């Protein structure tokens, strides 16, 4: 029995913005890409231009929609937006620098540094809140485009939380253990909606003119469940 084709998700952080350059909290703040960010994304679009893409998704924020439009252009595809992919909201910290937050809200800052997964600043979201909306959104996309390649443009914290959940990392440490550069490319290959492999992580080789080739779907290097044929699908009557 042959296995189903893998579903490949090109999970991409948006390009640089003026606020990311200033290291300000800008989760729910709608900011555009900077010129540097647009150039980062154009180079990534060239890198992905030869891939067969079935769909392009983005969070409903200006910086992600702009990133997705640049990436979608070589493929002639529309950008579909989904609010489940948006960035974590930092509440009343929005547009403040880290130093400003530590001075004005020292207790909140300390609690967030200790456990950003369950703690949220006033008016904001916890990492758990983000995972609860972003993970079902991603799995729905995987189900809808089974066997295809999909570009999904999201944000730094959201991507790190998604990868923590998919790979079984301690989500309380997502800020310590995982990073995402502007316009970073991650590739997650799904055997099915419950089994996945991280094939590429936080890759920015397209920043250079040469860039690097897209890696193949991993096969023999992984554990047996990845290469095994899927069990037969049975209907509710056992047939």
Protein backbone atom coordinates (compact mmCIF):
# COMPACT_ATOMS: atom_id res chain seq x y z
CA UNK A 1 0.00 0.00 0.00
CA UNK A 2 1.45 3.39 -0.94
CA UNK A 3 1.44 6.21 1.57
CA UNK A 4 -0.41 9.45 1.10
CA UNK A 5 1.63 12.38 -0.24
CA UNK A 6 3.09 14.65 2.41
CA UNK A 7 1.73 18.13 3.03
CA UNK A 8 4.43 20.79 3.17
CA UNK A 9 3.90 24.04 5.08
CA UNK A 10 6.24 26.91 4.32
CA UNK A 11 5.82 28.70 7.66
CA UNK A 12 7.24 32.20 7.28
CA UNK A 13 7.67 35.19 9.55
CA UNK A 14 6.88 38.55 7.97
CA UNK A 15 9.74 40.81 6.92
CA UNK A 16 11.31 43.50 9.09
CA UNK A 17 9.29 46.53 10.18
CA UNK A 18 10.29 49.91 11.66
CA UNK A 19 9.16 48.75 15.12
CA UNK A 20 11.02 45.44 14.97
CA UNK A 21 14.19 47.42 14.32
CA UNK A 22 13.50 49.39 17.51
CA UNK A 23 12.74 46.22 19.53
CA UNK A 24 9.26 47.43 20.50
CA UNK A 25 6.29 45.27 21.45
CA UNK A 26 4.05 45.38 18.40
CA UNK A 27 1.90 42.27 18.47
CA UNK A 28 -1.49 43.83 17.79
CA UNK A 29 -0.11 47.10 16.41
CA UNK A 30 -0.61 47.33 12.67
CA UNK A 31 2.71 48.40 11.15
CA UNK A 32 3.95 48.10 7.54
CA UNK A 33 7.10 46.42 6.33
CA UNK A 34 10.21 48.55 6.15
CA UNK A 35 12.16 48.82 2.90
CA UNK A 36 14.62 46.31 4.37
CA UNK A 37 11.75 43.95 5.13
CA UNK A 38 10.40 44.17 1.58
CA UNK A 39 13.81 43.32 0.17
CA UNK A 40 14.11 40.32 2.53
CA UNK A 41 10.73 39.05 1.34
CA UNK A 42 11.46 39.67 -2.36
CA UNK A 43 14.54 37.48 -2.06
CA UNK A 44 12.52 34.77 -0.34
CA UNK A 45 9.86 35.02 -3.06
CA UNK A 46 12.55 34.38 -5.66
CA UNK A 47 13.76 31.39 -3.66
CA UNK A 48 10.25 29.90 -3.55
CA UNK A 49 9.25 30.88 -7.07
CA UNK A 50 9.95 27.41 -8.51
CA UNK A 51 7.90 25.60 -5.87
CA UNK A 52 4.40 24.39 -6.73
CA UNK A 53 2.21 26.27 -4.24
CA UNK A 54 -1.44 25.38 -3.67
CA UNK A 55 -2.42 28.32 -1.45
CA UNK A 56 -1.07 31.32 0.43
CA UNK A 57 -2.33 32.25 3.90
CA UNK A 58 -1.50 35.17 6.19
CA UNK A 59 -2.68 36.67 9.43
CA UNK A 60 -4.92 39.70 9.01
CA UNK A 61 -2.20 42.24 9.82
CA UNK A 62 -0.66 44.69 7.37
CA UNK A 63 2.89 43.37 7.65
CA UNK A 64 1.89 39.75 7.09
CA UNK A 65 -0.54 40.51 4.27
CA UNK A 66 2.12 42.55 2.46
CA UNK A 67 4.66 39.78 2.96
CA UNK A 68 2.19 37.21 1.63
CA UNK A 69 1.32 39.28 -1.44
CA UNK A 70 4.99 39.48 -2.42
CA UNK A 71 5.38 35.72 -1.92
CA UNK A 72 2.14 34.91 -3.77
CA UNK A 73 2.87 37.06 -6.84
CA UNK A 74 5.14 34.56 -8.69
CA UNK A 75 2.43 31.92 -8.34
CA UNK A 76 -0.53 34.09 -9.36
CA UNK A 77 -2.38 33.20 -6.16
CA UNK A 78 -4.63 35.32 -3.93
CA UNK A 79 -3.75 35.80 -0.28
CA UNK A 80 -6.24 34.27 2.14
CA UNK A 81 -6.25 35.87 5.60
CA UNK A 82 -7.08 34.22 8.90
CA UNK A 83 -7.11 36.00 12.25
CA UNK A 84 -6.08 32.77 13.97
CA UNK A 85 -2.56 33.38 12.65
CA UNK A 86 -2.18 36.89 14.08
CA UNK A 87 0.54 37.84 16.53
CA UNK A 88 0.22 37.71 20.31
CA UNK A 89 -1.29 40.88 21.76
CA UNK A 90 0.81 42.56 24.43
CA UNK A 91 -2.07 44.63 25.78
CA UNK A 92 -0.97 47.88 27.39
CA UNK A 93 2.67 47.12 26.55
CA UNK A 94 2.05 47.68 22.84
CA UNK A 95 4.59 50.00 21.14
CA UNK A 96 6.72 50.19 24.30
CA UNK A 97 10.33 49.06 24.45
CA UNK A 98 11.37 46.26 26.76
CA UNK A 99 13.18 48.73 29.03
CA UNK A 100 10.07 50.93 29.27
CA UNK A 101 7.94 47.93 30.24
CA UNK A 102 10.40 46.84 32.91
CA UNK A 103 10.37 50.34 34.42
CA UNK A 104 6.61 50.97 34.29
CA UNK A 105 5.30 47.44 34.94
CA UNK A 106 8.06 45.60 36.84
CA UNK A 107 5.77 42.96 38.39
CA UNK A 108 4.15 42.11 35.06
CA UNK A 109 7.52 42.02 33.32
CA UNK A 110 8.91 39.62 35.93
CA UNK A 111 5.87 37.32 35.69
CA UNK A 112 6.08 37.30 31.90
CA UNK A 113 9.79 36.52 31.91
CA UNK A 114 9.10 33.62 34.31
CA UNK A 115 6.26 32.08 32.30
CA UNK A 116 5.14 33.80 29.08
CA UNK A 117 2.95 30.81 28.23
CA UNK A 118 0.35 31.23 30.99
CA UNK A 119 0.86 34.90 31.94
CA UNK A 120 -0.54 37.81 29.95
CA UNK A 121 -0.03 41.55 30.53
CA UNK A 122 -3.16 43.57 31.20
CA UNK A 123 -5.33 43.59 28.09
CA UNK A 124 -3.06 41.12 26.30
CA UNK A 125 -2.81 37.43 25.50
CA UNK A 126 -0.85 34.56 26.98
CA UNK A 127 1.05 32.08 24.86
CA UNK A 128 -1.68 29.58 25.67
CA UNK A 129 -4.30 31.92 24.20
CA UNK A 130 -2.31 32.18 20.99
CA UNK A 131 -1.78 28.42 20.71
CA UNK A 132 -5.50 27.81 21.24
CA UNK A 133 -6.38 29.82 18.12
CA UNK A 134 -3.30 29.34 15.92
CA UNK A 135 -2.85 25.57 16.13
CA UNK A 136 -6.41 24.65 15.02
CA UNK A 137 -6.04 27.15 12.17
CA UNK A 138 -2.82 25.53 10.95
CA UNK A 139 -4.19 21.99 11.22
CA UNK A 140 -7.29 23.02 9.29
CA UNK A 141 -5.04 24.29 6.48
CA UNK A 142 -3.11 21.00 6.52
CA UNK A 143 -6.36 19.05 6.22
CA UNK A 144 -7.75 21.26 3.46
CA UNK A 145 -4.62 21.10 1.29
CA UNK A 146 -3.52 17.54 2.02
CA UNK A 147 -0.67 16.55 -0.27
CA UNK A 148 0.03 20.15 -1.34
CA UNK A 149 2.49 22.93 -0.54
CA UNK A 150 1.11 25.93 1.33
CA UNK A 151 2.73 29.23 2.29
CA UNK A 152 1.62 30.42 5.74
CA UNK A 153 2.82 33.87 6.84
CA UNK A 154 2.61 34.62 10.55
CA UNK A 155 4.59 36.25 13.35
CA UNK A 156 7.55 35.66 15.64
CA UNK A 157 5.77 34.55 18.83
CA UNK A 158 2.97 32.75 17.01
CA UNK A 159 5.39 30.67 14.93
CA UNK A 160 7.49 29.78 17.97
CA UNK A 161 4.38 28.72 19.88
CA UNK A 162 3.16 26.63 16.96
CA UNK A 163 6.50 24.86 16.65
CA UNK A 164 6.64 24.28 20.40
CA UNK A 165 3.25 22.60 20.26
CA UNK A 166 3.93 20.58 17.11
CA UNK A 167 7.32 19.33 18.29
CA UNK A 168 6.45 18.76 21.94
CA UNK A 169 8.74 21.42 23.42
CA UNK A 170 7.98 22.96 26.81
CA UNK A 171 5.95 26.00 25.66
CA UNK A 172 6.94 27.96 28.76
CA UNK A 173 10.44 28.14 27.27
CA UNK A 174 9.46 29.13 23.74
CA UNK A 175 11.14 32.52 24.06
CA UNK A 176 14.36 30.94 25.36
CA UNK A 177 14.67 27.98 23.02
CA UNK A 178 13.40 29.20 19.65
CA UNK A 179 14.07 32.26 17.51
CA UNK A 180 12.58 33.72 14.34
CA UNK A 181 14.38 36.30 12.22
CA UNK A 182 12.44 38.63 9.90
CA UNK A 183 11.37 36.80 6.73
CA UNK A 184 12.68 33.53 8.19
CA UNK A 185 11.68 30.34 6.39
CA UNK A 186 10.57 27.27 8.32
CA UNK A 187 9.40 24.09 6.61
CA UNK A 188 7.10 21.67 8.41
CA UNK A 189 6.28 18.44 6.57
CA UNK A 190 3.09 16.65 7.64
CA UNK A 191 2.60 12.93 7.11
CA UNK A 192 -0.95 13.58 8.29
CA UNK A 193 -2.51 16.21 10.58
CA UNK A 194 -1.14 14.37 13.65
CA UNK A 195 2.40 13.57 12.50
CA UNK A 196 4.89 16.18 11.36
CA UNK A 197 8.60 16.87 11.02
CA UNK A 198 10.47 20.16 11.15
CA UNK A 199 12.62 20.05 8.02
CA UNK A 200 13.96 23.62 8.05
CA UNK A 201 14.08 26.16 10.88
CA UNK A 202 14.64 29.93 10.99
CA UNK A 203 16.49 29.90 7.67
CA UNK A 204 17.56 33.23 6.20
CA UNK A 205 20.01 32.06 3.55
CA UNK A 206 17.95 34.01 0.99
CA UNK A 207 19.32 37.20 2.57
CA UNK A 208 22.35 36.57 0.34
CA UNK A 209 22.05 36.77 -3.43
CA UNK A 210 22.90 33.09 -3.91
CA UNK A 211 20.50 31.57 -1.38
CA UNK A 212 20.14 27.83 -0.87
CA UNK A 213 18.00 25.11 -2.40
CA UNK A 214 14.80 23.95 -0.73
CA UNK A 215 15.45 20.63 1.09
CA UNK A 216 13.64 17.48 0.07
CA UNK A 217 10.92 15.90 2.23
CA UNK A 218 12.80 13.74 4.80
CA UNK A 219 12.25 10.01 4.42
CA UNK A 220 14.52 7.22 5.67
CA UNK A 221 16.20 9.40 8.30
CA UNK A 222 13.11 9.54 10.51
CA UNK A 223 11.36 7.02 12.75
CA UNK A 224 9.22 4.25 11.17
CA UNK A 225 5.85 6.00 11.51
CA UNK A 226 6.96 8.67 9.01
CA UNK A 227 7.55 6.22 6.16
CA UNK A 228 4.93 3.60 7.02
CA UNK A 229 1.76 3.37 4.99
CA UNK A 230 -1.21 4.96 6.77
CA UNK A 231 -3.88 2.64 8.18
CA UNK A 232 -6.99 2.18 6.01
CA UNK A 233 -9.69 4.76 6.57
CA UNK A 234 -12.80 3.25 8.13
CA UNK A 235 -16.21 4.82 8.18
CA UNK A 236 -18.36 5.05 11.28
CA UNK A 237 -19.92 1.66 10.51
CA UNK A 238 -16.53 -0.04 10.55
CA UNK A 239 -16.30 -0.51 6.79
